């Protein structure tokens, strides 16, 4: 049994270690990390999942970005420790944090990921949205938290300065 809670400053390095474990070396060279440089994550949406002994089992973070004048949430990374994978923990982190984003009035969410996995949460391919290279455009996915929020939103994704 895992408990989800807001990530704290004390969780930061443990979460970073989890990301290092779950993702390939050089993860910080990915284009999405260029959008995160020097920008703090959205604290109210960043979550950790801990078991009864307080051991970290998963984490998710979000970052503010822009497409032209439109504010967008960039989901990721989300990771689940290998010993806890397959238990629905990633889905729980995603659903919980998206519900919080919705309650805070965010309109749209963007991510770079596998469509078959993220489709179950309502994400769809976003034509016309360009992540910094190199990014496979088929992996650029978006979700509307407010109906019509992606209508007319096209262009290059930029850091929220």
N, C-alpha and C. Protein backbone atom coordinates (compact mmCIF):
# COMPACT_ATOMS: atom_id res chain seq x y z
N UNK A 1 0.84 -1.19 0.00
CA UNK A 1 0.00 0.00 0.00
C UNK A 1 0.88 1.24 0.00
N UNK A 2 0.63 2.13 -0.93
CA UNK A 2 1.38 3.37 -1.05
C UNK A 2 0.51 4.55 -0.68
N UNK A 3 1.13 5.56 -0.12
CA UNK A 3 0.47 6.80 0.19
C UNK A 3 1.05 7.89 -0.70
N UNK A 4 0.18 8.65 -1.36
CA UNK A 4 0.62 9.76 -2.20
C UNK A 4 0.62 11.04 -1.38
N UNK A 5 1.66 11.82 -1.57
CA UNK A 5 1.73 13.11 -0.90
C UNK A 5 2.51 14.09 -1.76
N UNK A 6 2.41 15.34 -1.41
CA UNK A 6 3.12 16.38 -2.13
C UNK A 6 4.62 16.23 -1.91
N UNK A 7 5.40 16.38 -2.96
CA UNK A 7 6.85 16.32 -2.84
C UNK A 7 7.34 17.52 -2.02
N UNK A 8 8.28 17.27 -1.14
CA UNK A 8 8.88 18.34 -0.33
C UNK A 8 10.33 18.55 -0.76
N UNK A 9 10.93 19.61 -0.27
CA UNK A 9 12.35 19.86 -0.56
C UNK A 9 13.22 18.71 -0.09
N UNK A 10 12.83 18.07 1.01
CA UNK A 10 13.59 16.95 1.55
C UNK A 10 13.53 15.72 0.65
N UNK A 11 12.53 15.63 -0.20
CA UNK A 11 12.37 14.50 -1.12
C UNK A 11 13.23 14.65 -2.38
N UNK A 12 13.70 15.84 -2.68
CA UNK A 12 14.29 16.16 -3.98
C UNK A 12 15.34 15.15 -4.44
N UNK A 13 16.37 14.91 -3.64
CA UNK A 13 17.48 14.06 -4.08
C UNK A 13 17.08 12.59 -4.17
N UNK A 14 16.17 12.18 -3.31
CA UNK A 14 15.68 10.81 -3.39
C UNK A 14 14.87 10.60 -4.68
N UNK A 15 14.09 11.60 -5.05
CA UNK A 15 13.33 11.54 -6.30
C UNK A 15 14.30 11.54 -7.48
N UNK A 16 15.32 12.37 -7.44
CA UNK A 16 16.32 12.40 -8.52
C UNK A 16 17.00 11.03 -8.66
N UNK A 17 17.29 10.39 -7.54
CA UNK A 17 17.90 9.05 -7.59
C UNK A 17 16.94 8.04 -8.22
N UNK A 18 15.66 8.16 -7.93
CA UNK A 18 14.67 7.28 -8.56
C UNK A 18 14.63 7.50 -10.07
N UNK A 19 14.65 8.75 -10.50
CA UNK A 19 14.68 9.04 -11.93
C UNK A 19 15.94 8.47 -12.58
N UNK A 20 17.07 8.59 -11.89
CA UNK A 20 18.31 8.01 -12.43
C UNK A 20 18.20 6.50 -12.58
N UNK A 21 17.55 5.86 -11.62
CA UNK A 21 17.38 4.41 -11.67
C UNK A 21 16.45 3.99 -12.80
N UNK A 22 15.37 4.74 -13.01
CA UNK A 22 14.32 4.34 -13.95
C UNK A 22 14.56 4.75 -15.39
N UNK A 23 15.41 5.74 -15.61
CA UNK A 23 15.62 6.24 -16.96
C UNK A 23 17.05 6.03 -17.39
N UNK A 24 17.24 6.02 -18.69
CA UNK A 24 18.56 5.78 -19.27
C UNK A 24 19.54 6.87 -18.86
N UNK A 25 20.81 6.51 -18.80
CA UNK A 25 21.83 7.53 -18.55
C UNK A 25 21.71 8.65 -19.59
N UNK A 26 21.96 9.85 -19.15
CA UNK A 26 21.85 10.99 -20.06
C UNK A 26 20.45 11.54 -20.17
N UNK A 27 19.55 11.15 -19.26
CA UNK A 27 18.16 11.63 -19.34
C UNK A 27 18.08 13.14 -19.37
N UNK A 28 19.01 13.80 -18.72
CA UNK A 28 18.96 15.26 -18.66
C UNK A 28 19.38 15.91 -19.97
N UNK A 29 19.82 15.12 -20.94
CA UNK A 29 20.15 15.66 -22.26
C UNK A 29 18.91 15.71 -23.16
N UNK A 30 17.80 15.13 -22.71
CA UNK A 30 16.58 15.14 -23.51
C UNK A 30 16.06 16.57 -23.68
N UNK A 31 15.37 16.80 -24.78
CA UNK A 31 14.87 18.14 -25.09
C UNK A 31 13.95 18.69 -24.01
N UNK A 32 13.16 17.84 -23.38
CA UNK A 32 12.24 18.32 -22.36
C UNK A 32 12.99 18.94 -21.18
N UNK A 33 14.22 18.49 -20.94
CA UNK A 33 14.99 19.06 -19.83
C UNK A 33 15.42 20.49 -20.14
N UNK A 34 15.56 20.85 -21.42
CA UNK A 34 15.91 22.24 -21.76
C UNK A 34 14.78 23.17 -21.33
N UNK A 35 13.57 22.68 -21.34
CA UNK A 35 12.42 23.49 -20.93
C UNK A 35 12.34 23.63 -19.41
N UNK A 36 13.05 22.79 -18.69
CA UNK A 36 13.01 22.79 -17.23
C UNK A 36 14.18 23.55 -16.60
N UNK A 37 15.24 23.78 -17.39
CA UNK A 37 16.43 24.44 -16.86
C UNK A 37 16.09 25.77 -16.20
N UNK A 38 16.44 25.88 -14.94
CA UNK A 38 16.25 27.13 -14.21
C UNK A 38 14.81 27.45 -13.84
N UNK A 39 13.90 26.52 -14.08
CA UNK A 39 12.49 26.73 -13.77
C UNK A 39 12.08 25.71 -12.71
N UNK A 40 11.56 26.15 -11.59
CA UNK A 40 11.14 25.16 -10.57
C UNK A 40 9.90 24.40 -11.01
N UNK A 41 9.77 23.15 -10.57
CA UNK A 41 8.55 22.41 -10.88
C UNK A 41 7.35 23.05 -10.19
N UNK A 42 6.16 22.71 -10.65
CA UNK A 42 4.93 23.19 -10.02
C UNK A 42 4.77 22.39 -8.73
N UNK A 43 5.09 23.01 -7.62
CA UNK A 43 5.16 22.32 -6.33
C UNK A 43 3.84 21.66 -5.94
N UNK A 44 2.72 22.31 -6.21
CA UNK A 44 1.43 21.77 -5.78
C UNK A 44 1.04 20.51 -6.54
N UNK A 45 1.71 20.23 -7.66
CA UNK A 45 1.37 19.06 -8.47
C UNK A 45 2.40 17.94 -8.37
N UNK A 46 3.58 18.25 -7.85
CA UNK A 46 4.63 17.23 -7.74
C UNK A 46 4.30 16.30 -6.59
N UNK A 47 4.30 15.01 -6.87
CA UNK A 47 3.88 14.00 -5.90
C UNK A 47 4.94 12.93 -5.71
N UNK A 48 4.93 12.34 -4.51
CA UNK A 48 5.71 11.15 -4.23
C UNK A 48 4.77 10.10 -3.69
N UNK A 49 5.16 8.84 -3.88
CA UNK A 49 4.40 7.70 -3.35
C UNK A 49 5.36 6.92 -2.46
N UNK A 50 4.96 6.72 -1.21
CA UNK A 50 5.79 5.99 -0.25
C UNK A 50 5.00 4.83 0.34
N UNK A 51 5.72 3.73 0.62
CA UNK A 51 5.07 2.58 1.24
C UNK A 51 4.99 2.78 2.76
N UNK A 52 4.51 1.76 3.46
CA UNK A 52 4.32 1.86 4.91
C UNK A 52 5.61 2.13 5.68
N UNK A 53 6.75 1.74 5.10
CA UNK A 53 8.04 1.97 5.75
C UNK A 53 8.66 3.31 5.33
N UNK A 54 7.95 4.06 4.50
CA UNK A 54 8.45 5.35 4.04
C UNK A 54 9.39 5.26 2.85
N UNK A 55 9.47 4.09 2.22
CA UNK A 55 10.35 3.91 1.07
C UNK A 55 9.68 4.46 -0.18
N UNK A 56 10.44 5.25 -0.92
CA UNK A 56 9.92 5.88 -2.13
C UNK A 56 9.64 4.84 -3.20
N UNK A 57 8.42 4.83 -3.70
CA UNK A 57 8.03 3.90 -4.75
C UNK A 57 7.76 4.56 -6.08
N UNK A 58 7.49 5.87 -6.06
CA UNK A 58 7.19 6.56 -7.31
C UNK A 58 7.18 8.06 -7.11
N UNK A 59 7.26 8.77 -8.23
CA UNK A 59 7.26 10.23 -8.19
C UNK A 59 6.80 10.79 -9.53
N UNK A 60 6.23 11.98 -9.47
CA UNK A 60 5.81 12.69 -10.68
C UNK A 60 6.04 14.17 -10.45
N UNK A 61 6.45 14.84 -11.52
CA UNK A 61 6.63 16.30 -11.47
C UNK A 61 5.99 16.92 -12.70
N UNK A 62 5.65 18.20 -12.57
CA UNK A 62 5.11 19.01 -13.66
C UNK A 62 5.89 20.31 -13.73
N UNK A 63 5.93 20.89 -14.93
CA UNK A 63 6.67 22.13 -15.15
C UNK A 63 5.82 23.07 -15.98
N UNK A 64 5.89 24.35 -15.69
CA UNK A 64 5.16 25.31 -16.52
C UNK A 64 5.93 25.59 -17.81
N UNK A 65 5.23 25.58 -18.93
CA UNK A 65 5.81 25.94 -20.22
C UNK A 65 4.80 26.83 -20.95
N UNK A 66 5.20 27.32 -22.10
CA UNK A 66 4.33 28.17 -22.91
C UNK A 66 4.37 27.73 -24.36
N UNK A 67 3.26 27.90 -25.02
CA UNK A 67 3.17 27.81 -26.47
C UNK A 67 2.52 29.13 -26.87
N UNK A 68 3.32 30.01 -27.47
CA UNK A 68 2.89 31.39 -27.73
C UNK A 68 2.45 31.99 -26.40
N UNK A 69 1.23 32.52 -26.32
CA UNK A 69 0.77 33.14 -25.07
C UNK A 69 0.04 32.16 -24.15
N UNK A 70 -0.02 30.91 -24.53
CA UNK A 70 -0.79 29.91 -23.79
C UNK A 70 0.06 29.21 -22.73
N UNK A 71 -0.43 29.19 -21.50
CA UNK A 71 0.22 28.44 -20.44
C UNK A 71 -0.13 26.96 -20.59
N UNK A 72 0.88 26.13 -20.37
CA UNK A 72 0.72 24.68 -20.52
C UNK A 72 1.49 24.00 -19.41
N UNK A 73 0.95 22.91 -18.90
CA UNK A 73 1.69 22.07 -17.95
C UNK A 73 2.44 21.00 -18.72
N UNK A 74 3.71 20.84 -18.42
CA UNK A 74 4.51 19.76 -19.00
C UNK A 74 4.63 18.66 -17.94
N UNK A 75 4.01 17.52 -18.21
CA UNK A 75 4.05 16.39 -17.29
C UNK A 75 5.35 15.64 -17.49
N UNK A 76 6.01 15.35 -16.39
CA UNK A 76 7.18 14.49 -16.45
C UNK A 76 8.37 15.09 -15.75
N UNK A 77 9.20 14.23 -15.33
CA UNK A 77 9.06 12.79 -15.48
C UNK A 77 8.13 12.17 -14.43
N UNK A 78 7.63 11.00 -14.79
CA UNK A 78 6.91 10.15 -13.85
C UNK A 78 7.67 8.83 -13.82
N UNK A 79 7.91 8.33 -12.63
CA UNK A 79 8.67 7.08 -12.50
C UNK A 79 8.15 6.25 -11.34
N UNK A 80 8.26 4.94 -11.52
CA UNK A 80 7.90 3.99 -10.48
C UNK A 80 9.10 3.06 -10.29
N UNK A 81 9.47 2.85 -9.04
CA UNK A 81 10.60 1.96 -8.74
C UNK A 81 10.33 0.58 -9.35
N UNK A 82 11.36 -0.05 -9.90
CA UNK A 82 11.15 -1.37 -10.53
C UNK A 82 10.45 -2.39 -9.65
N UNK A 83 10.65 -2.33 -8.35
CA UNK A 83 10.00 -3.30 -7.45
C UNK A 83 8.52 -3.03 -7.26
N UNK A 84 8.04 -1.86 -7.70
CA UNK A 84 6.63 -1.51 -7.53
C UNK A 84 5.90 -1.39 -8.87
N UNK A 85 6.59 -1.66 -9.97
CA UNK A 85 5.95 -1.53 -11.27
C UNK A 85 4.89 -2.61 -11.46
N UNK A 86 3.86 -2.26 -12.22
CA UNK A 86 2.78 -3.20 -12.50
C UNK A 86 1.69 -3.21 -11.45
N UNK A 87 1.79 -2.34 -10.46
CA UNK A 87 0.79 -2.29 -9.39
C UNK A 87 -0.18 -1.12 -9.53
N UNK A 88 -0.05 -0.35 -10.63
CA UNK A 88 -0.95 0.79 -10.85
C UNK A 88 -0.49 2.07 -10.19
N UNK A 89 0.72 2.08 -9.67
CA UNK A 89 1.20 3.25 -8.96
C UNK A 89 1.41 4.44 -9.90
N UNK A 90 1.96 4.20 -11.10
CA UNK A 90 2.13 5.28 -12.06
C UNK A 90 0.79 5.91 -12.42
N UNK A 91 -0.20 5.08 -12.67
CA UNK A 91 -1.54 5.58 -12.97
C UNK A 91 -2.13 6.39 -11.83
N UNK A 92 -1.91 5.92 -10.60
CA UNK A 92 -2.42 6.65 -9.44
C UNK A 92 -1.77 8.02 -9.33
N UNK A 93 -0.46 8.08 -9.56
CA UNK A 93 0.24 9.38 -9.52
C UNK A 93 -0.29 10.32 -10.60
N UNK A 94 -0.50 9.79 -11.79
CA UNK A 94 -1.00 10.61 -12.90
C UNK A 94 -2.41 11.10 -12.61
N UNK A 95 -3.31 10.20 -12.23
CA UNK A 95 -4.71 10.59 -11.98
C UNK A 95 -4.81 11.60 -10.84
N UNK A 96 -4.08 11.36 -9.75
CA UNK A 96 -4.12 12.25 -8.60
C UNK A 96 -3.63 13.65 -8.96
N UNK A 97 -2.50 13.71 -9.66
CA UNK A 97 -1.93 15.02 -9.99
C UNK A 97 -2.75 15.75 -11.05
N UNK A 98 -3.33 15.01 -12.00
CA UNK A 98 -4.19 15.66 -12.99
C UNK A 98 -5.46 16.22 -12.35
N UNK A 99 -6.00 15.51 -11.38
CA UNK A 99 -7.17 16.02 -10.66
C UNK A 99 -6.82 17.32 -9.93
N UNK A 100 -5.62 17.36 -9.34
CA UNK A 100 -5.19 18.58 -8.66
C UNK A 100 -4.99 19.71 -9.66
N UNK A 101 -4.38 19.41 -10.81
CA UNK A 101 -4.18 20.43 -11.85
C UNK A 101 -5.51 20.99 -12.31
N UNK A 102 -6.49 20.12 -12.48
CA UNK A 102 -7.83 20.55 -12.87
C UNK A 102 -8.43 21.46 -11.81
N UNK A 103 -8.30 21.08 -10.55
CA UNK A 103 -8.87 21.90 -9.46
C UNK A 103 -8.18 23.26 -9.34
N UNK A 104 -6.93 23.34 -9.80
CA UNK A 104 -6.20 24.61 -9.77
C UNK A 104 -6.47 25.48 -11.00
N UNK A 105 -7.25 24.95 -11.94
CA UNK A 105 -7.63 25.74 -13.11
C UNK A 105 -6.71 25.64 -14.31
N UNK A 106 -5.76 24.71 -14.29
CA UNK A 106 -4.93 24.50 -15.47
C UNK A 106 -5.82 24.00 -16.59
N UNK A 107 -5.57 24.43 -17.81
CA UNK A 107 -6.44 24.09 -18.94
C UNK A 107 -5.92 22.92 -19.77
N UNK A 108 -4.58 22.81 -19.90
CA UNK A 108 -4.02 21.81 -20.82
C UNK A 108 -2.72 21.26 -20.27
N UNK A 109 -2.46 19.99 -20.64
CA UNK A 109 -1.26 19.29 -20.19
C UNK A 109 -0.59 18.69 -21.42
N UNK A 110 0.74 18.73 -21.42
CA UNK A 110 1.55 18.23 -22.51
C UNK A 110 2.57 17.24 -21.97
N UNK A 111 2.94 16.25 -22.77
CA UNK A 111 4.02 15.34 -22.39
C UNK A 111 4.63 14.74 -23.63
N UNK A 112 5.79 14.17 -23.46
CA UNK A 112 6.43 13.38 -24.51
C UNK A 112 6.46 11.96 -24.00
N UNK A 113 5.73 11.07 -24.66
CA UNK A 113 5.65 9.71 -24.15
C UNK A 113 4.99 8.76 -25.12
N UNK A 114 4.72 7.57 -24.63
CA UNK A 114 4.14 6.49 -25.42
C UNK A 114 2.62 6.61 -25.45
N UNK A 115 2.09 6.86 -26.64
CA UNK A 115 0.64 7.04 -26.79
C UNK A 115 -0.18 5.87 -26.24
N UNK A 116 0.21 4.61 -26.49
CA UNK A 116 -0.61 3.51 -25.97
C UNK A 116 -0.77 3.55 -24.44
N UNK A 117 0.25 3.98 -23.73
CA UNK A 117 0.16 4.06 -22.27
C UNK A 117 -0.68 5.27 -21.85
N UNK A 118 -0.38 6.43 -22.38
CA UNK A 118 -1.02 7.67 -21.91
C UNK A 118 -2.43 7.88 -22.45
N UNK A 119 -2.80 7.15 -23.48
CA UNK A 119 -4.16 7.28 -24.04
C UNK A 119 -5.21 6.96 -22.97
N UNK A 120 -4.92 6.03 -22.08
CA UNK A 120 -5.90 5.65 -21.05
C UNK A 120 -6.26 6.80 -20.10
N UNK A 121 -5.40 7.83 -20.08
CA UNK A 121 -5.66 9.01 -19.26
C UNK A 121 -6.26 10.15 -20.07
N UNK A 122 -6.47 9.91 -21.37
CA UNK A 122 -7.08 10.92 -22.23
C UNK A 122 -6.12 11.70 -23.10
N UNK A 123 -4.83 11.37 -23.06
CA UNK A 123 -3.85 12.08 -23.88
C UNK A 123 -3.96 11.64 -25.34
N UNK A 124 -3.79 12.62 -26.24
CA UNK A 124 -3.82 12.38 -27.67
C UNK A 124 -2.66 13.10 -28.34
N UNK A 125 -2.28 12.61 -29.51
CA UNK A 125 -1.21 13.24 -30.28
C UNK A 125 -1.59 14.69 -30.57
N UNK A 126 -0.61 15.58 -30.41
CA UNK A 126 -0.83 17.01 -30.64
C UNK A 126 -0.11 17.45 -31.91
N UNK A 127 -0.82 17.47 -33.00
CA UNK A 127 -0.27 18.00 -34.24
C UNK A 127 -0.15 19.51 -34.08
N UNK A 128 0.92 20.05 -34.61
CA UNK A 128 1.10 21.50 -34.56
C UNK A 128 1.81 21.99 -33.31
N UNK A 129 2.09 21.10 -32.39
CA UNK A 129 2.85 21.45 -31.19
C UNK A 129 4.26 20.89 -31.37
N UNK A 130 5.24 21.76 -31.29
CA UNK A 130 6.62 21.37 -31.58
C UNK A 130 7.50 21.48 -30.34
N UNK A 131 7.97 20.33 -29.89
CA UNK A 131 8.94 20.30 -28.80
C UNK A 131 10.32 20.60 -29.37
N UNK A 132 11.23 21.09 -28.53
CA UNK A 132 12.59 21.32 -29.02
C UNK A 132 13.18 20.00 -29.54
N UNK A 133 14.00 20.09 -30.58
CA UNK A 133 14.60 18.87 -31.14
C UNK A 133 15.68 18.32 -30.20
N UNK A 134 15.98 17.05 -30.27
CA UNK A 134 15.30 16.08 -31.13
C UNK A 134 14.14 15.45 -30.39
N UNK A 135 12.95 15.59 -30.90
CA UNK A 135 11.76 14.96 -30.32
C UNK A 135 10.95 14.36 -31.44
N UNK A 136 10.57 13.11 -31.29
CA UNK A 136 9.70 12.44 -32.25
C UNK A 136 8.30 13.06 -32.13
N UNK A 137 7.78 13.70 -33.18
CA UNK A 137 6.47 14.35 -33.09
C UNK A 137 5.32 13.40 -32.75
N UNK A 138 5.49 12.11 -33.03
CA UNK A 138 4.45 11.14 -32.69
C UNK A 138 4.33 10.92 -31.19
N UNK A 139 5.33 11.36 -30.44
CA UNK A 139 5.32 11.18 -28.98
C UNK A 139 4.87 12.44 -28.23
N UNK A 140 4.52 13.49 -28.97
CA UNK A 140 4.04 14.74 -28.35
C UNK A 140 2.54 14.60 -28.15
N UNK A 141 2.15 14.49 -26.88
CA UNK A 141 0.76 14.20 -26.52
C UNK A 141 0.20 15.29 -25.63
N UNK A 142 -1.09 15.52 -25.76
CA UNK A 142 -1.73 16.53 -24.94
C UNK A 142 -3.06 16.07 -24.38
N UNK A 143 -3.47 16.72 -23.31
CA UNK A 143 -4.74 16.44 -22.64
C UNK A 143 -5.42 17.76 -22.34
N UNK A 144 -6.71 17.82 -22.59
CA UNK A 144 -7.51 18.99 -22.22
C UNK A 144 -8.13 18.75 -20.86
N UNK A 145 -7.87 19.65 -19.94
CA UNK A 145 -8.57 19.62 -18.65
C UNK A 145 -9.84 20.45 -18.73
N UNK A 146 -9.85 21.38 -19.66
CA UNK A 146 -11.03 22.18 -19.97
C UNK A 146 -11.36 21.91 -21.44
N UNK A 147 -12.60 21.51 -21.75
CA UNK A 147 -12.93 21.22 -23.15
C UNK A 147 -12.56 22.38 -24.07
N UNK A 148 -11.90 22.05 -25.18
CA UNK A 148 -11.50 23.05 -26.16
C UNK A 148 -10.21 23.78 -25.84
N UNK A 149 -9.54 23.40 -24.75
CA UNK A 149 -8.35 24.13 -24.31
C UNK A 149 -7.20 24.08 -25.32
N UNK A 150 -7.15 23.04 -26.15
CA UNK A 150 -6.08 22.95 -27.15
C UNK A 150 -6.49 23.58 -28.48
N UNK A 151 -7.73 24.02 -28.62
CA UNK A 151 -8.17 24.62 -29.88
C UNK A 151 -7.31 25.83 -30.22
N UNK A 152 -6.68 25.80 -31.39
CA UNK A 152 -5.87 26.93 -31.84
C UNK A 152 -4.51 27.07 -31.18
N UNK A 153 -4.14 26.13 -30.31
CA UNK A 153 -2.84 26.19 -29.65
C UNK A 153 -1.84 25.41 -30.48
N UNK A 154 -0.96 26.14 -31.15
CA UNK A 154 0.06 25.54 -32.01
C UNK A 154 1.34 26.34 -31.89
N UNK A 155 2.44 25.68 -32.16
CA UNK A 155 3.71 26.38 -32.16
C UNK A 155 4.75 25.65 -31.35
N UNK A 156 5.85 26.36 -31.11
CA UNK A 156 6.99 25.80 -30.42
C UNK A 156 6.78 25.91 -28.91
N UNK A 157 7.06 24.83 -28.21
CA UNK A 157 6.99 24.83 -26.75
C UNK A 157 8.22 25.54 -26.22
N UNK A 158 8.00 26.48 -25.30
CA UNK A 158 9.10 27.28 -24.76
C UNK A 158 9.08 27.26 -23.25
N UNK A 159 10.25 27.56 -22.68
CA UNK A 159 10.35 27.69 -21.22
C UNK A 159 9.42 28.79 -20.75
N UNK A 160 8.89 28.60 -19.57
CA UNK A 160 8.05 29.63 -18.95
C UNK A 160 8.98 30.50 -18.11
N UNK A 161 9.39 31.61 -18.67
CA UNK A 161 10.37 32.46 -17.98
C UNK A 161 9.69 33.47 -17.08
